[in-house]
PDB file of all heavy atoms in Angstrom:
ATOM      1  N   ASP A   1       0.836  -1.206   0.000  1.00  0.00           N
ATOM      2  CA  ASP A   1       0.000   0.000   0.000  1.00  0.00           C
ATOM      3  C   ASP A   1       0.866   1.250   0.000  1.00  0.00           C
ATOM      4  O   ASP A   1       1.889   1.312   0.699  1.00  0.00           O
ATOM      5  CB  ASP A   1      -0.916   0.030   1.224  1.00  0.00           C
ATOM      6  CG  ASP A   1      -2.013  -1.007   1.165  1.00  0.00           C
ATOM      7  OD1 ASP A   1      -2.204  -1.616   0.090  1.00  0.00           O
ATOM      8  OD2 ASP A   1      -2.679  -1.205   2.198  1.00  0.00           O
ATOM      9  N   GLU A   2       0.436   2.247  -0.768  1.00  0.00           N
ATOM     10  CA  GLU A   2       1.165   3.513  -0.829  1.00  0.00           C
ATOM     11  C   GLU A   2       0.693   4.507   0.215  1.00  0.00           C
ATOM     12  O   GLU A   2       1.287   5.567   0.382  1.00  0.00           O
ATOM     13  CB  GLU A   2       1.050   4.111  -2.229  1.00  0.00           C
ATOM     14  CG  GLU A   2       1.772   3.284  -3.271  1.00  0.00           C
ATOM     15  CD  GLU A   2       1.741   3.929  -4.634  1.00  0.00           C
ATOM     16  OE1 GLU A   2       1.464   5.135  -4.729  1.00  0.00           O
ATOM     17  OE2 GLU A   2       2.007   3.220  -5.614  1.00  0.00           O
ATOM     18  N   SER A   3      -0.381   4.208   0.915  1.00  0.00           N
ATOM     19  CA  SER A   3      -0.880   5.091   1.964  1.00  0.00           C
ATOM     20  C   SER A   3      -1.496   4.239   3.063  1.00  0.00           C
ATOM     21  O   SER A   3      -1.517   3.018   2.975  1.00  0.00           O
ATOM     22  CB  SER A   3      -1.909   6.069   1.392  1.00  0.00           C
ATOM     23  OG  SER A   3      -3.040   5.357   0.934  1.00  0.00           O
ATOM     24  N   GLY A   4      -1.992   4.900   4.104  1.00  0.00           N
ATOM     25  CA  GLY A   4      -2.661   4.174   5.170  1.00  0.00           C
ATOM     26  C   GLY A   4      -1.841   3.965   6.417  1.00  0.00           C
ATOM     27  O   GLY A   4      -2.259   3.248   7.328  1.00  0.00           O
ATOM     28  N   ARG A   5      -0.661   4.591   6.487  1.00  0.00           N
ATOM     29  CA  ARG A   5       0.201   4.414   7.658  1.00  0.00           C
ATOM     30  C   ARG A   5       0.271   5.648   8.556  1.00  0.00           C
ATOM     31  O   ARG A   5       0.941   5.639   9.574  1.00  0.00           O
ATOM     32  CB  ARG A   5       1.610   4.046   7.201  1.00  0.00           C
ATOM     33  CG  ARG A   5       1.684   2.708   6.524  1.00  0.00           C
ATOM     34  CD  ARG A   5       3.073   2.437   5.963  1.00  0.00           C
ATOM     35  NE  ARG A   5       3.123   1.168   5.292  1.00  0.00           N
ATOM     36  CZ  ARG A   5       2.716   0.961   4.039  1.00  0.00           C
ATOM     37  NH1 ARG A   5       2.264   1.963   3.332  1.00  0.00           N
ATOM     38  NH2 ARG A   5       2.782  -0.234   3.505  1.00  0.00           N
ATOM     39  N   GLY A   6      -0.395   6.727   8.170  1.00  0.00           N
ATOM     40  CA  GLY A   6      -0.274   7.993   8.887  1.00  0.00           C
ATOM     41  C   GLY A   6      -0.639   7.915  10.355  1.00  0.00           C
ATOM     42  O   GLY A   6       0.121   8.333  11.216  1.00  0.00           O
ATOM     43  N   LEU A   7      -1.812   7.374  10.656  1.00  0.00           N
ATOM     44  CA  LEU A   7      -2.224   7.298  12.052  1.00  0.00           C
ATOM     45  C   LEU A   7      -1.420   6.272  12.832  1.00  0.00           C
ATOM     46  O   LEU A   7      -1.229   6.416  14.037  1.00  0.00           O
ATOM     47  CB  LEU A   7      -3.721   7.008  12.160  1.00  0.00           C
ATOM     48  CG  LEU A   7      -4.622   8.175  11.759  1.00  0.00           C
ATOM     49  CD1 LEU A   7      -6.083   7.764  11.841  1.00  0.00           C
ATOM     50  CD2 LEU A   7      -4.358   9.407  12.608  1.00  0.00           C
ATOM     51  N   THR A   8      -0.923   5.254  12.159  1.00  0.00           N
ATOM     52  CA  THR A   8      -0.028   4.298  12.816  1.00  0.00           C
ATOM     53  C   THR A   8       1.254   5.008  13.242  1.00  0.00           C
ATOM     54  O   THR A   8       1.765   4.789  14.341  1.00  0.00           O
ATOM     55  CB  THR A   8       0.287   3.116  11.876  1.00  0.00           C
ATOM     56  OG1 THR A   8      -0.938   2.486  11.524  1.00  0.00           O
ATOM     57  CG2 THR A   8       1.214   2.119  12.529  1.00  0.00           C
ATOM     58  N   LEU A   9       1.747   5.893  12.384  1.00  0.00           N
ATOM     59  CA  LEU A   9       2.926   6.695  12.704  1.00  0.00           C
ATOM     60  C   LEU A   9       2.639   7.643  13.865  1.00  0.00           C
ATOM     61  O   LEU A   9       3.436   7.757  14.798  1.00  0.00           O
ATOM     62  CB  LEU A   9       3.369   7.472  11.463  1.00  0.00           C
ATOM     63  CG  LEU A   9       4.684   8.207  11.542  1.00  0.00           C
ATOM     64  CD1 LEU A   9       5.837   7.253  11.779  1.00  0.00           C
ATOM     65  CD2 LEU A   9       4.911   8.989  10.250  1.00  0.00           C
ATOM     66  N   VAL A  10       1.490   8.306  13.826  1.00  0.00           N
ATOM     67  CA  VAL A  10       1.095   9.191  14.923  1.00  0.00           C
ATOM     68  C   VAL A  10       1.017   8.399  16.225  1.00  0.00           C
ATOM     69  O   VAL A  10       1.542   8.826  17.262  1.00  0.00           O
ATOM     70  CB  VAL A  10      -0.251   9.898  14.619  1.00  0.00           C
ATOM     71  CG1 VAL A  10      -0.764  10.661  15.832  1.00  0.00           C
ATOM     72  CG2 VAL A  10      -0.102  10.841  13.422  1.00  0.00           C
ATOM     73  N   ASP A  11       0.404   7.232  16.181  1.00  0.00           N
ATOM     74  CA  ASP A  11       0.267   6.396  17.373  1.00  0.00           C
ATOM     75  C   ASP A  11       1.626   5.974  17.920  1.00  0.00           C
ATOM     76  O   ASP A  11       1.840   5.921  19.128  1.00  0.00           O
ATOM     77  CB  ASP A  11      -0.580   5.168  17.044  1.00  0.00           C
ATOM     78  CG  ASP A  11      -0.943   4.370  18.268  1.00  0.00           C
ATOM     79  OD1 ASP A  11      -1.475   4.956  19.228  1.00  0.00           O
ATOM     80  OD2 ASP A  11      -0.686   3.149  18.271  1.00  0.00           O
ATOM     81  N   ALA A  12       2.570   5.695  17.025  1.00  0.00           N
ATOM     82  CA  ALA A  12       3.897   5.233  17.447  1.00  0.00           C
ATOM     83  C   ALA A  12       4.761   6.351  18.025  1.00  0.00           C
ATOM     84  O   ALA A  12       5.529   6.124  18.955  1.00  0.00           O
ATOM     85  CB  ALA A  12       4.621   4.593  16.266  1.00  0.00           C
ATOM     86  N   LEU A  13       4.637   7.568  17.490  1.00  0.00           N
ATOM     87  CA  LEU A  13       5.558   8.640  17.876  1.00  0.00           C
ATOM     88  C   LEU A  13       5.001   9.630  18.899  1.00  0.00           C
ATOM     89  O   LEU A  13       5.770  10.267  19.613  1.00  0.00           O
ATOM     90  CB  LEU A  13       6.016   9.404  16.628  1.00  0.00           C
ATOM     91  CG  LEU A  13       6.811   8.590  15.608  1.00  0.00           C
ATOM     92  CD1 LEU A  13       7.163   9.452  14.398  1.00  0.00           C
ATOM     93  CD2 LEU A  13       8.057   7.986  16.232  1.00  0.00           C
ATOM     94  N   ALA A  14       3.700   9.783  18.952  1.00  0.00           N
ATOM     95  CA  ALA A  14       3.102  10.740  19.890  1.00  0.00           C
ATOM     96  C   ALA A  14       2.993  10.124  21.278  1.00  0.00           C
ATOM     97  O   ALA A  14       2.831   8.910  21.424  1.00  0.00           O
ATOM     98  CB  ALA A  14       1.728  11.166  19.393  1.00  0.00           C
ATOM     99  N   ASP A  15       3.081  10.967  22.296  1.00  0.00           N
ATOM    100  CA  ASP A  15       2.858  10.494  23.656  1.00  0.00           C
ATOM    101  C   ASP A  15       1.383  10.195  23.879  1.00  0.00           C
ATOM    102  O   ASP A  15       1.035   9.266  24.605  1.00  0.00           O
ATOM    103  CB  ASP A  15       3.360  11.524  24.667  1.00  0.00           C
ATOM    104  CG  ASP A  15       4.867  11.669  24.597  1.00  0.00           C
ATOM    105  OD1 ASP A  15       5.559  10.644  24.691  1.00  0.00           O
ATOM    106  OD2 ASP A  15       5.347  12.802  24.409  1.00  0.00           O
ATOM    107  N   LYS A  16       0.517  11.006  23.260  1.00  0.00           N
ATOM    108  CA  LYS A  16      -0.928  10.807  23.298  1.00  0.00           C
ATOM    109  C   LYS A  16      -1.479  11.362  21.993  1.00  0.00           C
ATOM    110  O   LYS A  16      -0.898  12.269  21.406  1.00  0.00           O
ATOM    111  CB  LYS A  16      -1.573  11.585  24.449  1.00  0.00           C
ATOM    112  CG  LYS A  16      -1.316  11.031  25.819  1.00  0.00           C
ATOM    113  CD  LYS A  16      -1.848  11.936  26.924  1.00  0.00           C
ATOM    114  CE  LYS A  16      -3.343  12.104  26.903  1.00  0.00           C
ATOM    115  NZ  LYS A  16      -3.854  12.905  28.042  1.00  0.00           N
ATOM    116  N   TRP A  17      -2.614  10.836  21.555  1.00  0.00           N
ATOM    117  CA  TRP A  17      -3.319  11.413  20.423  1.00  0.00           C
ATOM    118  C   TRP A  17      -4.785  11.022  20.518  1.00  0.00           C
ATOM    119  O   TRP A  17      -5.145  10.106  21.259  1.00  0.00           O
ATOM    120  CB  TRP A  17      -2.705  10.988  19.085  1.00  0.00           C
ATOM    121  CG  TRP A  17      -3.062   9.607  18.622  1.00  0.00           C
ATOM    122  CD1 TRP A  17      -2.436   8.442  18.980  1.00  0.00           C
ATOM    123  CD2 TRP A  17      -4.117   9.238  17.745  1.00  0.00           C
ATOM    124  NE1 TRP A  17      -3.043   7.385  18.366  1.00  0.00           N
ATOM    125  CE2 TRP A  17      -4.085   7.835  17.597  1.00  0.00           C
ATOM    126  CE3 TRP A  17      -5.094   9.959  17.058  1.00  0.00           C
ATOM    127  CZ2 TRP A  17      -4.994   7.150  16.799  1.00  0.00           C
ATOM    128  CZ3 TRP A  17      -5.996   9.267  16.259  1.00  0.00           C
ATOM    129  CH2 TRP A  17      -5.936   7.885  16.138  1.00  0.00           C
ATOM    130  N   GLY A  18      -5.612  11.736  19.785  1.00  0.00           N
ATOM    131  CA  GLY A  18      -7.029  11.413  19.794  1.00  0.00           C
ATOM    132  C   GLY A  18      -7.768  12.221  18.756  1.00  0.00           C
ATOM    133  O   GLY A  18      -7.185  13.042  18.029  1.00  0.00           O
ATOM    134  N   ALA A  19      -9.060  11.995  18.695  1.00  0.00           N
ATOM    135  CA  ALA A  19      -9.925  12.705  17.759  1.00  0.00           C
ATOM    136  C   ALA A  19     -11.303  12.822  18.379  1.00  0.00           C
ATOM    137  O   ALA A  19     -11.723  11.966  19.161  1.00  0.00           O
ATOM    138  CB  ALA A  19     -10.000  11.955  16.436  1.00  0.00           C
ATOM    139  N   GLY A  20     -11.998  13.899  18.021  1.00  0.00           N
ATOM    140  CA  GLY A  20     -13.352  14.088  18.520  1.00  0.00           C
ATOM    141  C   GLY A  20     -14.070  15.134  17.713  1.00  0.00           C
ATOM    142  O   GLY A  20     -13.472  15.813  16.870  1.00  0.00           O
ATOM    143  N   PRO A  21     -15.363  15.267  17.957  1.00  0.00           N
ATOM    144  CA  PRO A  21     -16.125  16.286  17.248  1.00  0.00           C
ATOM    145  C   PRO A  21     -15.537  17.675  17.501  1.00  0.00           C
ATOM    146  O   PRO A  21     -15.026  17.949  18.594  1.00  0.00           O
ATOM    147  CB  PRO A  21     -17.528  16.183  17.850  1.00  0.00           C
ATOM    148  CG  PRO A  21     -17.581  14.821  18.463  1.00  0.00           C
ATOM    149  CD  PRO A  21     -16.178  14.503  18.886  1.00  0.00           C
ATOM    150  N   ARG A  22     -15.597  18.506  16.485  1.00  0.00           N
ATOM    151  CA  ARG A  22     -15.087  19.872  16.605  1.00  0.00           C
ATOM    152  C   ARG A  22     -15.939  20.642  17.605  1.00  0.00           C
ATOM    153  O   ARG A  22     -17.165  20.615  17.546  1.00  0.00           O
ATOM    154  CB  ARG A  22     -15.146  20.555  15.245  1.00  0.00           C
ATOM    155  CG  ARG A  22     -14.629  21.944  15.263  1.00  0.00           C
ATOM    156  CD  ARG A  22     -14.603  22.507  13.857  1.00  0.00           C
ATOM    157  NE  ARG A  22     -14.552  23.931  13.921  1.00  0.00           N
ATOM    158  CZ  ARG A  22     -15.221  24.732  13.120  1.00  0.00           C
ATOM    159  NH1 ARG A  22     -15.979  24.239  12.168  1.00  0.00           N
ATOM    160  NH2 ARG A  22     -15.116  26.030  13.254  1.00  0.00           N
ATOM    161  N   GLU A  23     -15.287  21.295  18.529  1.00  0.00           N
ATOM    162  CA  GLU A  23     -15.979  22.059  19.550  1.00  0.00           C
ATOM    163  C   GLU A  23     -16.720  23.227  18.903  1.00  0.00           C
ATOM    164  O   GLU A  23     -16.131  24.042  18.193  1.00  0.00           O
ATOM    165  CB  GLU A  23     -14.963  22.585  20.570  1.00  0.00           C
ATOM    166  CG  GLU A  23     -15.591  23.206  21.780  1.00  0.00           C
ATOM    167  CD  GLU A  23     -14.549  23.570  22.818  1.00  0.00           C
ATOM    168  OE1 GLU A  23     -13.723  22.698  23.154  1.00  0.00           O
ATOM    169  OE2 GLU A  23     -14.560  24.719  23.260  1.00  0.00           O
ATOM    170  N   GLY A  24     -18.018  23.282  19.110  1.00  0.00           N
ATOM    171  CA  GLY A  24     -18.809  24.404  18.644  1.00  0.00           C
ATOM    172  C   GLY A  24     -19.053  24.470  17.148  1.00  0.00           C
ATOM    173  O   GLY A  24     -19.360  25.545  16.631  1.00  0.00           O
ATOM    174  N   GLY A  25     -18.937  23.360  16.442  1.00  0.00           N
ATOM    175  CA  GLY A  25     -19.167  23.460  15.008  1.00  0.00           C
ATOM    176  C   GLY A  25     -19.171  22.137  14.286  1.00  0.00           C
ATOM    177  O   GLY A  25     -19.125  21.071  14.889  1.00  0.00           O
ATOM    178  N   ILE A  26     -19.218  22.235  12.982  1.00  0.00           N
ATOM    179  CA  ILE A  26     -19.227  21.071  12.107  1.00  0.00           C
ATOM    180  C   ILE A  26     -17.813  20.532  11.983  1.00  0.00           C
ATOM    181  O   ILE A  26     -16.863  21.288  11.879  1.00  0.00           O
ATOM    182  CB  ILE A  26     -19.741  21.479  10.713  1.00  0.00           C
ATOM    183  CG1 ILE A  26     -21.185  21.972  10.820  1.00  0.00           C
ATOM    184  CG2 ILE A  26     -19.618  20.348   9.716  1.00  0.00           C
ATOM    185  CD1 ILE A  26     -21.686  22.645   9.580  1.00  0.00           C
ATOM    186  N   GLY A  27     -17.680  19.220  11.963  1.00  0.00           N
ATOM    187  CA  GLY A  27     -16.380  18.621  11.698  1.00  0.00           C
ATOM    188  C   GLY A  27     -15.762  17.967  12.908  1.00  0.00           C
ATOM    189  O   GLY A  27     -16.434  17.636  13.886  1.00  0.00           O
ATOM    190  N   LYS A  28     -14.449  17.812  12.821  1.00  0.00           N
ATOM    191  CA  LYS A  28     -13.711  17.108  13.870  1.00  0.00           C
ATOM    192  C   LYS A  28     -12.364  17.778  14.108  1.00  0.00           C
ATOM    193  O   LYS A  28     -11.900  18.570  13.298  1.00  0.00           O
ATOM    194  CB  LYS A  28     -13.485  15.650  13.473  1.00  0.00           C
ATOM    195  CG  LYS A  28     -12.520  15.508  12.299  1.00  0.00           C
ATOM    196  CD  LYS A  28     -12.278  14.064  11.976  1.00  0.00           C
ATOM    197  CE  LYS A  28     -11.549  13.873  10.677  1.00  0.00           C
ATOM    198  NZ  LYS A  28     -12.207  14.388   9.498  1.00  0.00           N
ATOM    199  N   THR A  29     -11.757  17.398  15.214  1.00  0.00           N
ATOM    200  CA  THR A  29     -10.395  17.803  15.539  1.00  0.00           C
ATOM    201  C   THR A  29      -9.608  16.544  15.861  1.00  0.00           C
ATOM    202  O   THR A  29     -10.064  15.698  16.630  1.00  0.00           O
ATOM    203  CB  THR A  29     -10.366  18.759  16.744  1.00  0.00           C
ATOM    204  OG1 THR A  29     -11.115  19.934  16.405  1.00  0.00           O
ATOM    205  CG2 THR A  29      -8.941  19.148  17.106  1.00  0.00           C
ATOM    206  N   VAL A  30      -8.452  16.424  15.236  1.00  0.00           N
ATOM    207  CA  VAL A  30      -7.522  15.331  15.513  1.00  0.00           C
ATOM    208  C   VAL A  30      -6.282  15.986  16.120  1.00  0.00           C
ATOM    209  O   VAL A  30      -5.814  17.011  15.631  1.00  0.00           O
ATOM    210  CB  VAL A  30      -7.162  14.552  14.227  1.00  0.00           C
ATOM    211  CG1 VAL A  30      -6.265  13.372  14.563  1.00  0.00           C
ATOM    212  CG2 VAL A  30      -8.419  14.084  13.506  1.00  0.00           C
ATOM    213  N   TRP A  31      -5.745  15.416  17.192  1.00  0.00           N
ATOM    214  CA  TRP A  31      -4.648  16.063  17.912  1.00  0.00           C
ATOM    215  C   TRP A  31      -3.613  15.026  18.362  1.00  0.00           C
ATOM    216  O   TRP A  31      -3.887  13.840  18.421  1.00  0.00           O
ATOM    217  CB  TRP A  31      -5.176  16.822  19.129  1.00  0.00           C
ATOM    218  CG  TRP A  31      -5.978  15.948  20.050  1.00  0.00           C
ATOM    219  CD1 TRP A  31      -7.323  15.729  20.016  1.00  0.00           C
ATOM    220  CD2 TRP A  31      -5.477  15.136  21.121  1.00  0.00           C
ATOM    221  NE1 TRP A  31      -7.688  14.830  20.997  1.00  0.00           N
ATOM    222  CE2 TRP A  31      -6.581  14.461  21.682  1.00  0.00           C
ATOM    223  CE3 TRP A  31      -4.210  14.911  21.654  1.00  0.00           C
ATOM    224  CZ2 TRP A  31      -6.440  13.587  22.753  1.00  0.00           C
ATOM    225  CZ3 TRP A  31      -4.066  14.029  22.721  1.00  0.00           C
ATOM    226  CH2 TRP A  31      -5.187  13.401  23.263  1.00  0.00           C
ATOM    227  N   PHE A  32      -2.436  15.553  18.673  1.00  0.00           N
ATOM    228  CA  PHE A  32      -1.404  14.727  19.299  1.00  0.00           C
ATOM    229  C   PHE A  32      -0.642  15.580  20.300  1.00  0.00           C
ATOM    230  O   PHE A  32      -0.662  16.807  20.231  1.00  0.00           O
ATOM    231  CB  PHE A  32      -0.451  14.095  18.272  1.00  0.00           C
ATOM    232  CG  PHE A  32       0.397  15.068  17.514  1.00  0.00           C
ATOM    233  CD1 PHE A  32       1.589  15.540  18.035  1.00  0.00           C
ATOM    234  CD2 PHE A  32      -0.008  15.506  16.264  1.00  0.00           C
ATOM    235  CE1 PHE A  32       2.368  16.445  17.329  1.00  0.00           C
ATOM    236  CE2 PHE A  32       0.763  16.402  15.554  1.00  0.00           C
ATOM    237  CZ  PHE A  32       1.954  16.864  16.075  1.00  0.00           C
ATOM    238  N   GLU A  33       0.004  14.910  21.237  1.00  0.00           N
ATOM    239  CA  GLU A  33       0.822  15.581  22.239  1.00  0.00           C
ATOM    240  C   GLU A  33       2.206  14.963  22.274  1.00  0.00           C
ATOM    241  O   GLU A  33       2.357  13.747  22.120  1.00  0.00           O
ATOM    242  CB  GLU A  33       0.192  15.470  23.629  1.00  0.00           C
ATOM    243  CG  GLU A  33      -1.114  16.204  23.748  1.00  0.00           C
ATOM    244  CD  GLU A  33      -1.747  16.074  25.122  1.00  0.00           C
ATOM    245  OE1 GLU A  33      -1.206  15.320  25.978  1.00  0.00           O
ATOM    246  OE2 GLU A  33      -2.772  16.720  25.349  1.00  0.00           O
ATOM    247  N   LEU A  34       3.202  15.836  22.476  1.00  0.00           N
ATOM    248  CA  LEU A  34       4.586  15.417  22.656  1.00  0.00           C
ATOM    249  C   LEU A  34       5.107  16.044  23.939  1.00  0.00           C
ATOM    250  O   LEU A  34       4.910  17.239  24.173  1.00  0.00           O
ATOM    251  CB  LEU A  34       5.454  15.883  21.482  1.00  0.00           C
ATOM    252  CG  LEU A  34       5.090  15.334  20.106  1.00  0.00           C
ATOM    253  CD1 LEU A  34       5.908  16.033  19.028  1.00  0.00           C
ATOM    254  CD2 LEU A  34       5.304  13.830  20.055  1.00  0.00           C
ATOM    255  N   ALA A  35       5.778  15.267  24.755  1.00  0.00           N
ATOM    256  CA  ALA A  35       6.368  15.789  25.988  1.00  0.00           C
ATOM    257  C   ALA A  35       7.591  16.636  25.650  1.00  0.00           C
ATOM    258  O   ALA A  35       8.255  16.420  24.633  1.00  0.00           O
ATOM    259  CB  ALA A  35       6.777  14.636  26.899  1.00  0.00           C
ATOM    260  N   HIS A  36       7.868  17.628  26.482  1.00  0.00           N
ATOM    261  CA  HIS A  36       9.068  18.454  26.350  1.00  0.00           C
ATOM    262  C   HIS A  36       9.528  18.865  27.740  1.00  0.00           C
ATOM    263  O   HIS A  36       8.918  18.495  28.730  1.00  0.00           O
ATOM    264  CB  HIS A  36       8.813  19.672  25.460  1.00  0.00           C
ATOM    265  CG  HIS A  36       7.876  20.660  26.088  1.00  0.00           C
ATOM    266  ND1 HIS A  36       8.280  21.559  27.033  1.00  0.00           N
ATOM    267  CD2 HIS A  36       6.554  20.851  25.921  1.00  0.00           C
ATOM    268  CE1 HIS A  36       7.247  22.285  27.415  1.00  0.00           C
ATOM    269  NE2 HIS A  36       6.186  21.869  26.760  1.00  0.00           N
ATOM    270  N   THR A  37      10.590  19.655  27.809  1.00  0.00           N
ATOM    271  CA  THR A  37      11.174  20.003  29.104  1.00  0.00           C
ATOM    272  C   THR A  37      11.123  21.489  29.421  1.00  0.00           C
ATOM    273  O   THR A  37      11.786  21.939  30.345  1.00  0.00           O
ATOM    274  CB  THR A  37      12.641  19.545  29.149  1.00  0.00           C
ATOM    275  OG1 THR A  37      13.336  20.151  28.057  1.00  0.00           O
ATOM    276  CG2 THR A  37      12.743  18.039  29.068  1.00  0.00           C
ATOM    277  N   LEU A  38      10.352  22.280  28.682  1.00  0.00           N
ATOM    278  CA  LEU A  38      10.285  23.718  28.941  1.00  0.00           C
ATOM    279  C   LEU A  38       9.162  24.057  29.901  1.00  0.00           C
ATOM    280  O   LEU A  38       8.267  23.266  30.139  1.00  0.00           O
ATOM    281  CB  LEU A  38      10.077  24.486  27.632  1.00  0.00           C
ATOM    282  CG  LEU A  38      11.218  24.396  26.632  1.00  0.00           C
ATOM    283  CD1 LEU A  38      10.881  25.234  25.418  1.00  0.00           C
ATOM    284  CD2 LEU A  38      12.511  24.861  27.248  1.00  0.00           C
TER     285      LEU A  38
END
């Protein structure tokens, strides 16, 4: 397959990620978090 690995990559590299309905409107929001030291 030439595609279909994006979310697998996000799952592997992000500390956390998720998706949900867009707050206050049509659509969705997909997010990820990365830890840092600042």
